[in-house]
Protein backbone atom coordinates (compact mmCIF):
# COMPACT_ATOMS: atom_id res chain seq x y z
CA MET A 1 104.07 110.64 103.11
CA GLY A 2 107.19 111.75 105.10
CA LEU A 3 110.11 110.57 107.38
CA ASN A 4 108.35 110.38 110.74
CA VAL A 5 107.44 106.62 110.88
CA PRO A 6 104.53 106.61 113.44
CA ARG A 7 103.02 109.74 111.93
CA ASP A 8 103.49 109.53 108.16
CA ARG A 9 101.93 106.51 106.37
CA LEU A 10 103.51 104.16 104.05
CA CYS A 11 102.13 104.78 100.46
CA LEU A 12 104.57 103.16 98.04
CA VAL A 13 107.30 100.29 97.97
CA GLN A 14 109.56 100.09 95.01
CA LEU A 15 111.22 96.89 94.13
CA SER A 16 113.88 95.82 91.54
CA GLY A 17 115.46 92.56 91.08
CA GLY A 18 118.47 94.14 89.30
CA GLY A 19 117.49 93.48 85.81
CA GLY A 20 116.18 96.63 85.00
CA LYS A 21 112.65 95.90 85.87
CA ILE A 22 110.90 98.00 88.47
CA HIS A 23 107.76 96.88 90.39
CA LEU A 24 105.88 99.40 92.35
CA VAL A 25 103.53 98.36 95.23
CA GLN A 26 100.94 101.21 96.02
CA PHE A 27 99.08 101.25 99.24
CA ARG A 28 95.80 103.01 99.37
CA GLU A 29 93.31 103.60 102.36
CA ARG A 30 95.90 102.29 104.63
CA ASN A 31 95.42 98.66 103.35
CA TYR A 32 98.72 97.03 103.91
CA GLU A 33 97.77 93.47 102.89
CA ALA A 34 100.66 92.55 100.54
CA PRO A 35 101.31 88.83 101.16
CA ARG A 36 103.74 88.35 98.56
CA LEU A 37 105.71 91.52 99.41
CA LYS A 38 105.81 90.47 103.21
CA ALA A 39 106.91 86.92 102.11
CA LEU A 40 109.84 88.39 100.15
CA LEU A 41 110.88 90.68 102.82
CA ALA A 42 110.95 88.04 105.32
CA ASP A 43 112.80 85.56 102.81
CA LYS A 44 116.17 84.80 104.28
CA ALA A 45 117.36 83.57 100.84
CA VAL A 46 117.08 87.02 99.14
CA ILE A 47 119.30 90.08 100.33
CA LYS A 48 117.15 93.28 100.22
CA LEU A 49 119.05 96.38 99.15
CA PHE A 50 118.17 99.75 100.45
CA HIS A 51 119.44 103.21 100.55
CA PHE A 52 119.12 104.50 104.07
CA GLY A 53 117.68 101.13 105.23
CA ARG A 54 117.49 102.12 108.81
CA PHE A 55 114.49 104.18 107.81
CA ASP A 56 112.93 101.71 105.15
CA ILE A 57 113.38 98.65 107.50
CA ALA A 58 111.51 100.64 110.22
CA VAL A 59 108.64 101.82 108.23
CA LEU A 60 108.07 98.54 106.53
CA LYS A 61 108.13 96.99 109.97
CA GLN A 62 105.61 99.47 111.37
CA TYR A 63 103.11 99.17 108.45
CA LEU A 64 103.71 95.71 107.12
CA GLY A 65 104.61 94.04 110.24
CA VAL A 66 107.51 92.36 108.66
CA LEU A 67 111.13 92.80 109.78
CA ALA A 68 113.35 92.90 106.49
CA GLY A 69 116.51 90.51 106.30
CA PRO A 70 119.01 89.92 105.22
CA VAL A 71 119.90 93.38 104.21
CA TYR A 72 122.41 95.63 102.63
CA CYS A 73 122.42 99.35 102.65
CA THR A 74 124.20 101.47 100.12
CA LYS A 75 124.35 104.46 102.53
CA ILE A 76 126.09 102.57 105.11
CA ALA A 77 128.62 100.98 102.39
CA ALA A 78 129.17 104.61 101.00
CA LYS A 79 129.80 105.99 104.59
CA LEU A 80 132.44 103.34 105.16
CA THR A 81 134.24 103.56 101.87
CA ARG A 82 133.73 107.28 100.83
CA THR A 83 135.41 108.90 103.78
CA PHE A 84 136.47 111.82 101.84
CA THR A 85 133.17 113.29 101.51
CA ASP A 86 130.02 114.00 103.63
CA ARG A 87 127.74 113.31 100.48
CA TYR A 88 126.15 110.14 100.79
CA GLY A 89 122.73 110.63 99.03
CA LEU A 90 121.48 108.43 96.32
CA LYS A 91 121.74 111.18 93.78
CA ASP A 92 125.46 111.70 94.64
CA LEU A 93 126.47 108.02 94.56
CA CYS A 94 124.53 107.46 91.19
CA ARG A 95 126.47 110.37 89.68
CA ASP A 96 129.94 109.71 91.49
CA LEU A 97 129.93 106.02 91.15
CA LEU A 98 127.92 105.19 88.08
CA GLY A 99 127.86 108.45 85.93
CA LYS A 100 124.01 108.56 86.21
CA ASP A 101 122.12 111.92 86.99
CA ILE A 102 118.95 111.03 88.72
CA SER A 103 116.20 113.73 89.40
CA LYS A 104 114.99 114.20 93.01
CA GLN A 105 112.56 116.66 92.01
CA GLN A 106 109.52 114.52 92.72
CA GLN A 107 110.93 113.40 96.16
CA THR A 108 108.65 115.88 97.99
CA SER A 109 105.41 115.44 95.84
CA ASP A 110 102.21 113.97 97.23
CA TRP A 111 102.83 110.33 97.41
CA GLY A 112 99.41 109.77 99.07
CA ALA A 113 97.51 110.78 95.95
CA ARG A 114 95.11 108.00 94.62
CA GLU A 115 96.78 108.17 91.14
CA LEU A 116 100.59 108.79 90.87
CA SER A 117 101.63 111.10 87.95
CA ALA A 118 104.15 109.79 85.25
CA ASP A 119 106.87 111.87 86.84
CA GLN A 120 106.25 110.34 90.25
CA LEU A 121 106.44 106.87 88.79
CA LYS A 122 109.63 107.72 86.86
CA TYR A 123 111.24 109.22 90.25
CA ALA A 124 110.05 105.98 92.22
CA ALA A 125 111.56 103.67 89.75
CA SER A 126 114.84 105.67 89.63
CA ASP A 127 114.98 105.31 93.42
CA VAL A 128 115.82 101.47 93.13
CA LEU A 129 116.91 101.15 89.55
CA TYR A 130 120.60 101.50 90.23
CA LEU A 131 120.77 99.89 93.67
CA HIS A 132 122.37 96.62 92.44
CA ALA A 133 124.85 98.50 90.19
CA LEU A 134 125.80 100.74 93.31
CA LYS A 135 126.23 97.34 95.48
CA ASN A 136 128.75 96.04 93.02
CA LYS A 137 130.64 99.30 92.97
CA LEU A 138 130.56 99.68 96.94
CA ASP A 139 131.46 95.88 97.46
CA ALA A 140 134.68 96.39 95.39
CA LEU A 141 135.42 99.52 97.46
CA LEU A 142 134.61 97.74 100.78
CA GLU A 143 137.04 95.01 99.69
CA ARG A 144 139.95 97.38 98.63
CA GLU A 145 139.57 99.10 101.86
CA GLY A 146 139.39 95.99 104.14
CA ARG A 147 136.09 96.88 105.41
CA THR A 148 133.73 94.15 103.98
CA GLY A 149 133.44 92.42 107.56
CA LEU A 150 132.65 95.83 109.16
CA ALA A 151 129.99 96.45 106.60
CA GLN A 152 128.53 92.92 106.87
CA ALA A 153 128.23 93.33 110.81
CA ALA A 154 126.58 96.73 110.22
CA PHE A 155 124.06 95.23 107.85
CA GLU A 156 123.19 92.45 110.15
CA PHE A 157 122.57 95.08 112.91
CA LEU A 158 120.58 97.16 110.93
CA PRO A 159 117.03 95.50 111.33
CA ASN A 160 117.80 95.75 115.11
CA ARG A 161 118.69 99.52 114.85
CA ALA A 162 115.22 99.99 113.12
CA LEU A 163 113.59 98.33 115.97
CA LEU A 164 115.38 100.59 118.53
CA ASP A 165 114.10 103.42 116.37
CA LEU A 166 110.61 102.13 116.79
CA ALA A 167 110.93 101.62 120.37
CA GLY A 168 111.74 105.36 121.06
CA TRP A 169 115.63 105.24 120.85
CA LYS A 170 115.90 106.92 117.51
CA ASP A 171 117.95 109.90 118.81
CA VAL A 172 119.81 108.06 121.72
CA ASP A 173 123.33 106.47 121.31
CA ILE A 174 122.81 103.48 123.54
CA PHE A 175 126.46 102.75 123.27
CA SER A 176 127.85 105.97 124.53
CA HIS A 177 128.81 106.20 128.31
């Protein structure tokens, strides 16, 4: 419904294993019973790919009670490798790295609706469809720039960063003097 985790409820989770299939899990009436999704998020043998994982991990923890891990964030990888730009949105990365134009037109539509429109479903699918291909491109850039270890450390810390956000330190740099 929005980007304020305590206020805006979780409505939809999109998943893709990278083979072009997309799975959508819609939550209605605040019913967050999703045992298979929760098990997948907690499965240490499966890397969960996100774009802006900091938010996604926090919202999943808040509403599903599961701290996702291990994780990989395409936004963090992009910020560590594409230092020549300040454009790290999914749309920008898909266009620049994969030559794919994705529409963000439905981003601000009503995700709390009982029935989602075909356009909303298409948008939701495109939000995860290219994450595996982006990871492959970004991994090559991380390797080339010698930042793979730094990225891995950031990914490992990301669930803890989400917990800090949930605990009230969202806009505080706890590492500053």
